[in-house]
């Protein structure tokens, strides 16, 4: 392989994967840096919202990468300031009317 990794992208979950019961283990960040040095991109993928501590994890994994929050509802490109205008969505798709009606029905229940 000549030192090049066949893996180009690693998706990292937060709870129970990156973060354990005692937080992020100290061994994680040096390994993240080693992977990045080999050209591997790391993206956070989580059900958590993209702010605060979780956004900090994403920035440490890849400060210019794409990261997925809120179970796929939000994808942030950290090459842009995600909290300053103008925020440009990476992908925008309308929720199907049937799905929206079902969500409303379930919420009312």
N, C-alpha and C. Protein backbone atom coordinates (compact mmCIF):
# COMPACT_ATOMS: atom_id res chain seq x y z
N UNK A 1 0.80 -1.20 0.00
CA UNK A 1 0.00 0.00 0.00
C UNK A 1 0.85 1.26 0.00
N UNK A 2 2.09 1.18 0.31
CA UNK A 2 2.98 2.32 0.25
C UNK A 2 2.66 3.40 1.27
N UNK A 3 2.08 3.02 2.43
CA UNK A 3 1.81 4.01 3.47
C UNK A 3 0.50 4.76 3.29
N UNK A 4 -0.20 4.53 2.18
CA UNK A 4 -1.48 5.21 1.97
C UNK A 4 -2.60 4.33 2.49
N UNK A 5 -3.48 4.92 3.25
CA UNK A 5 -4.59 4.19 3.82
C UNK A 5 -5.67 3.98 2.78
N UNK A 6 -6.27 2.79 2.76
CA UNK A 6 -7.40 2.53 1.89
C UNK A 6 -8.64 3.23 2.41
N UNK A 7 -8.67 3.51 3.71
CA UNK A 7 -9.80 4.20 4.32
C UNK A 7 -9.60 5.70 4.12
N UNK A 8 -10.60 6.36 3.55
CA UNK A 8 -10.50 7.80 3.29
C UNK A 8 -11.38 8.63 4.21
N UNK A 9 -12.41 7.99 4.81
CA UNK A 9 -13.35 8.70 5.65
C UNK A 9 -13.78 7.80 6.79
N UNK A 10 -13.79 8.36 8.01
CA UNK A 10 -14.29 7.64 9.18
C UNK A 10 -15.40 8.50 9.79
N UNK A 11 -16.59 7.91 9.94
CA UNK A 11 -17.72 8.58 10.59
C UNK A 11 -17.70 8.20 12.06
N UNK A 12 -17.72 9.21 12.92
CA UNK A 12 -17.55 8.99 14.35
C UNK A 12 -18.83 9.38 15.10
N UNK A 13 -19.43 8.44 15.78
CA UNK A 13 -20.58 8.69 16.65
C UNK A 13 -20.08 9.32 17.94
N UNK A 14 -20.94 10.00 18.67
CA UNK A 14 -20.53 10.65 19.91
C UNK A 14 -20.75 9.74 21.11
N UNK A 15 -21.99 9.56 21.50
CA UNK A 15 -22.30 8.86 22.75
C UNK A 15 -22.02 7.37 22.66
N UNK A 16 -21.14 6.91 23.54
CA UNK A 16 -20.78 5.50 23.58
C UNK A 16 -19.67 5.13 22.60
N UNK A 17 -19.25 6.06 21.77
CA UNK A 17 -18.16 5.81 20.83
C UNK A 17 -17.02 6.78 21.10
N UNK A 18 -17.20 8.04 20.76
CA UNK A 18 -16.19 9.06 21.04
C UNK A 18 -16.17 9.40 22.53
N UNK A 19 -17.37 9.52 23.10
CA UNK A 19 -17.52 9.91 24.50
C UNK A 19 -18.03 8.73 25.30
N UNK A 20 -17.26 8.36 26.31
CA UNK A 20 -17.67 7.29 27.21
C UNK A 20 -18.20 7.87 28.50
N UNK A 21 -18.36 7.03 29.52
CA UNK A 21 -18.94 7.50 30.78
C UNK A 21 -18.07 8.53 31.47
N UNK A 22 -16.78 8.54 31.16
CA UNK A 22 -15.86 9.51 31.77
C UNK A 22 -15.41 10.57 30.77
N UNK A 23 -16.18 10.79 29.72
CA UNK A 23 -15.81 11.77 28.70
C UNK A 23 -14.99 11.14 27.58
N UNK A 24 -14.25 11.97 26.85
CA UNK A 24 -13.42 11.48 25.76
C UNK A 24 -12.10 10.96 26.34
N UNK A 25 -11.77 9.69 26.10
CA UNK A 25 -10.51 9.15 26.62
C UNK A 25 -9.31 9.94 26.06
N UNK A 26 -8.28 10.15 26.87
CA UNK A 26 -7.12 10.93 26.44
C UNK A 26 -6.41 10.37 25.20
N UNK A 27 -6.53 9.07 24.95
CA UNK A 27 -5.85 8.46 23.80
C UNK A 27 -6.50 8.83 22.46
N UNK A 28 -7.71 9.37 22.49
CA UNK A 28 -8.45 9.63 21.25
C UNK A 28 -7.80 10.70 20.39
N UNK A 29 -7.48 11.86 20.97
CA UNK A 29 -7.02 12.99 20.15
C UNK A 29 -5.69 12.74 19.46
N UNK A 30 -4.70 12.10 20.10
CA UNK A 30 -3.48 11.78 19.34
C UNK A 30 -3.74 10.82 18.18
N UNK A 31 -4.67 9.91 18.36
CA UNK A 31 -5.01 8.97 17.27
C UNK A 31 -5.75 9.69 16.15
N UNK A 32 -6.59 10.65 16.51
CA UNK A 32 -7.26 11.46 15.49
C UNK A 32 -6.22 12.19 14.65
N UNK A 33 -5.24 12.80 15.32
CA UNK A 33 -4.19 13.54 14.61
C UNK A 33 -3.38 12.60 13.70
N UNK A 34 -3.10 11.39 14.17
CA UNK A 34 -2.36 10.41 13.37
C UNK A 34 -3.14 10.03 12.11
N UNK A 35 -4.44 9.82 12.26
CA UNK A 35 -5.26 9.50 11.09
C UNK A 35 -5.30 10.66 10.10
N UNK A 36 -5.49 11.87 10.64
CA UNK A 36 -5.53 13.04 9.76
C UNK A 36 -4.20 13.21 9.03
N UNK A 37 -3.08 12.91 9.69
CA UNK A 37 -1.77 13.01 9.07
C UNK A 37 -1.63 12.02 7.91
N UNK A 38 -2.38 10.92 7.97
CA UNK A 38 -2.37 9.93 6.89
C UNK A 38 -3.38 10.27 5.79
N UNK A 39 -4.07 11.39 5.92
CA UNK A 39 -5.03 11.80 4.89
C UNK A 39 -6.43 11.28 5.10
N UNK A 40 -6.70 10.69 6.26
CA UNK A 40 -8.04 10.18 6.55
C UNK A 40 -8.89 11.35 7.05
N UNK A 41 -10.08 11.52 6.48
CA UNK A 41 -11.02 12.54 6.95
C UNK A 41 -11.89 11.92 8.03
N UNK A 42 -12.24 12.71 9.05
CA UNK A 42 -13.11 12.25 10.12
C UNK A 42 -14.31 13.18 10.19
N UNK A 43 -15.48 12.60 10.26
CA UNK A 43 -16.71 13.37 10.37
C UNK A 43 -17.53 12.88 11.54
N UNK A 44 -18.01 13.83 12.33
CA UNK A 44 -18.89 13.51 13.43
C UNK A 44 -20.27 13.22 12.86
N UNK A 45 -20.95 12.21 13.41
CA UNK A 45 -22.31 11.90 13.00
C UNK A 45 -23.06 11.53 14.28
N UNK A 46 -24.06 12.34 14.61
CA UNK A 46 -24.69 12.20 15.93
C UNK A 46 -26.14 12.66 15.90
N UNK A 47 -26.86 12.25 16.92
CA UNK A 47 -28.21 12.75 17.14
C UNK A 47 -28.21 14.07 17.89
N UNK A 48 -27.07 14.43 18.44
CA UNK A 48 -26.96 15.68 19.20
C UNK A 48 -27.03 16.90 18.28
N UNK A 49 -27.43 18.05 18.84
CA UNK A 49 -27.42 19.29 18.05
C UNK A 49 -25.98 19.77 17.80
N UNK A 50 -25.80 20.54 16.74
CA UNK A 50 -24.48 21.01 16.34
C UNK A 50 -24.06 22.29 17.01
N UNK A 51 -23.92 22.25 18.31
CA UNK A 51 -23.46 23.43 19.05
C UNK A 51 -22.77 22.97 20.33
N UNK A 52 -22.15 23.92 21.00
CA UNK A 52 -21.51 23.66 22.28
C UNK A 52 -20.42 22.61 22.19
N UNK A 53 -20.41 21.74 23.18
CA UNK A 53 -19.39 20.70 23.30
C UNK A 53 -19.34 19.81 22.06
N UNK A 54 -20.49 19.48 21.50
CA UNK A 54 -20.54 18.59 20.34
C UNK A 54 -19.92 19.26 19.11
N UNK A 55 -20.18 20.53 18.92
CA UNK A 55 -19.55 21.26 17.83
C UNK A 55 -18.04 21.30 18.05
N UNK A 56 -17.61 21.42 19.29
CA UNK A 56 -16.18 21.37 19.61
C UNK A 56 -15.54 20.05 19.21
N UNK A 57 -16.25 18.94 19.44
CA UNK A 57 -15.74 17.63 19.02
C UNK A 57 -15.57 17.60 17.50
N UNK A 58 -16.56 18.11 16.78
CA UNK A 58 -16.49 18.13 15.32
C UNK A 58 -15.29 18.95 14.85
N UNK A 59 -15.09 20.09 15.47
CA UNK A 59 -13.95 20.94 15.09
C UNK A 59 -12.62 20.23 15.33
N UNK A 60 -12.53 19.45 16.41
CA UNK A 60 -11.28 18.72 16.69
C UNK A 60 -11.09 17.56 15.71
N UNK A 61 -12.18 16.93 15.31
CA UNK A 61 -12.06 15.82 14.35
C UNK A 61 -11.63 16.33 12.99
N UNK A 62 -12.25 17.40 12.51
CA UNK A 62 -11.89 17.98 11.21
C UNK A 62 -12.44 19.40 11.15
N UNK A 63 -11.58 20.39 11.36
CA UNK A 63 -12.04 21.78 11.44
C UNK A 63 -12.59 22.34 10.13
N UNK A 64 -12.38 21.65 9.01
CA UNK A 64 -12.93 22.14 7.74
C UNK A 64 -13.88 21.13 7.11
N UNK A 65 -14.23 20.09 7.86
CA UNK A 65 -15.01 19.00 7.28
C UNK A 65 -16.52 19.18 7.37
N UNK A 66 -17.21 18.18 6.88
CA UNK A 66 -18.67 18.10 6.97
C UNK A 66 -19.00 17.22 8.16
N UNK A 67 -19.97 17.66 8.96
CA UNK A 67 -20.37 16.91 10.15
C UNK A 67 -21.90 16.85 10.20
N UNK A 68 -22.42 15.72 10.68
CA UNK A 68 -23.85 15.46 10.68
C UNK A 68 -24.37 15.50 12.11
N UNK A 69 -25.40 16.33 12.32
CA UNK A 69 -26.01 16.50 13.64
C UNK A 69 -27.50 16.21 13.57
N UNK A 70 -28.11 16.06 14.74
CA UNK A 70 -29.56 15.88 14.87
C UNK A 70 -30.06 14.76 13.97
N UNK A 71 -29.33 13.63 14.01
CA UNK A 71 -29.69 12.42 13.27
C UNK A 71 -29.88 12.66 11.78
N UNK A 72 -29.07 13.53 11.24
CA UNK A 72 -29.12 13.80 9.80
C UNK A 72 -29.91 15.02 9.41
N UNK A 73 -30.59 15.65 10.36
CA UNK A 73 -31.39 16.83 10.03
C UNK A 73 -30.52 18.05 9.73
N UNK A 74 -29.29 18.06 10.26
CA UNK A 74 -28.38 19.19 10.07
C UNK A 74 -27.02 18.67 9.65
N UNK A 75 -26.51 19.20 8.55
CA UNK A 75 -25.15 18.92 8.10
C UNK A 75 -24.43 20.25 8.04
N UNK A 76 -23.34 20.38 8.82
CA UNK A 76 -22.59 21.63 8.84
C UNK A 76 -21.26 21.45 8.12
N UNK A 77 -20.94 22.43 7.31
CA UNK A 77 -19.62 22.51 6.67
C UNK A 77 -18.80 23.47 7.51
N UNK A 78 -17.84 22.96 8.25
CA UNK A 78 -17.08 23.81 9.16
C UNK A 78 -16.10 24.72 8.43
N UNK A 79 -15.98 24.56 7.11
CA UNK A 79 -15.17 25.50 6.35
C UNK A 79 -15.87 26.86 6.32
N UNK A 80 -17.17 26.86 6.66
CA UNK A 80 -17.94 28.08 6.83
C UNK A 80 -18.20 28.25 8.31
N UNK A 81 -18.45 29.45 8.77
CA UNK A 81 -18.84 29.65 10.16
C UNK A 81 -20.29 29.22 10.30
N UNK A 82 -20.56 28.10 10.99
CA UNK A 82 -21.94 27.60 11.05
C UNK A 82 -22.87 28.48 11.88
N UNK A 83 -22.32 29.43 12.64
CA UNK A 83 -23.19 30.26 13.48
C UNK A 83 -23.17 31.72 13.07
N UNK A 84 -22.58 32.02 11.95
CA UNK A 84 -22.57 33.40 11.48
C UNK A 84 -23.14 33.48 10.08
N UNK A 85 -23.85 34.56 9.79
CA UNK A 85 -24.41 34.68 8.44
C UNK A 85 -23.30 34.91 7.43
N UNK A 86 -23.45 34.55 6.18
CA UNK A 86 -24.61 33.79 5.69
C UNK A 86 -24.38 32.29 5.83
N UNK A 87 -25.32 31.61 6.45
CA UNK A 87 -25.24 30.17 6.59
C UNK A 87 -25.77 29.54 5.31
N UNK A 88 -24.97 28.73 4.68
CA UNK A 88 -25.36 28.10 3.43
C UNK A 88 -25.57 26.61 3.67
N UNK A 89 -26.81 26.13 3.50
CA UNK A 89 -27.04 24.70 3.70
C UNK A 89 -26.24 23.88 2.70
N UNK A 90 -25.74 22.73 3.15
CA UNK A 90 -25.03 21.82 2.26
C UNK A 90 -26.03 21.12 1.35
N UNK A 91 -27.15 20.74 1.93
CA UNK A 91 -28.22 20.07 1.18
C UNK A 91 -29.54 20.47 1.82
N UNK A 92 -30.50 20.78 1.01
CA UNK A 92 -31.80 21.19 1.50
C UNK A 92 -32.86 20.39 0.77
N UNK A 93 -33.74 19.73 1.51
CA UNK A 93 -34.81 18.95 0.92
C UNK A 93 -36.07 19.15 1.73
N UNK A 94 -37.17 19.31 1.06
CA UNK A 94 -38.46 19.49 1.74
C UNK A 94 -38.93 18.16 2.31
N UNK A 95 -39.53 18.22 3.48
CA UNK A 95 -40.15 17.05 4.08
C UNK A 95 -41.43 16.76 3.32
N UNK A 96 -41.62 15.53 2.93
CA UNK A 96 -42.85 15.17 2.21
C UNK A 96 -44.06 15.47 3.08
N UNK A 97 -45.13 15.94 2.45
CA UNK A 97 -46.32 16.33 3.20
C UNK A 97 -46.86 15.19 4.05
N UNK A 98 -46.84 13.97 3.51
CA UNK A 98 -47.34 12.81 4.28
C UNK A 98 -46.50 12.60 5.54
N UNK A 99 -45.19 12.76 5.42
CA UNK A 99 -44.30 12.59 6.57
C UNK A 99 -44.53 13.69 7.60
N UNK A 100 -44.75 14.92 7.13
CA UNK A 100 -45.02 16.03 8.04
C UNK A 100 -46.33 15.81 8.78
N UNK A 101 -47.36 15.35 8.08
CA UNK A 101 -48.65 15.08 8.71
C UNK A 101 -48.53 13.97 9.75
N UNK A 102 -47.75 12.95 9.44
CA UNK A 102 -47.53 11.85 10.39
C UNK A 102 -46.78 12.34 11.63
N UNK A 103 -45.80 13.19 11.45
CA UNK A 103 -45.06 13.77 12.59
C UNK A 103 -45.98 14.59 13.47
N UNK A 104 -46.86 15.37 12.86
CA UNK A 104 -47.82 16.18 13.62
C UNK A 104 -48.78 15.26 14.39
N UNK A 105 -49.26 14.22 13.71
CA UNK A 105 -50.19 13.27 14.36
C UNK A 105 -49.52 12.62 15.58
N UNK A 106 -48.27 12.19 15.41
CA UNK A 106 -47.55 11.54 16.50
C UNK A 106 -47.27 12.52 17.65
N UNK A 107 -46.95 13.75 17.32
CA UNK A 107 -46.67 14.75 18.34
C UNK A 107 -47.93 15.06 19.16
N UNK A 108 -49.06 15.08 18.52
CA UNK A 108 -50.32 15.36 19.21
C UNK A 108 -50.75 14.19 20.09
N UNK A 109 -50.34 13.00 19.72
CA UNK A 109 -50.66 11.81 20.50
C UNK A 109 -49.87 11.84 21.78
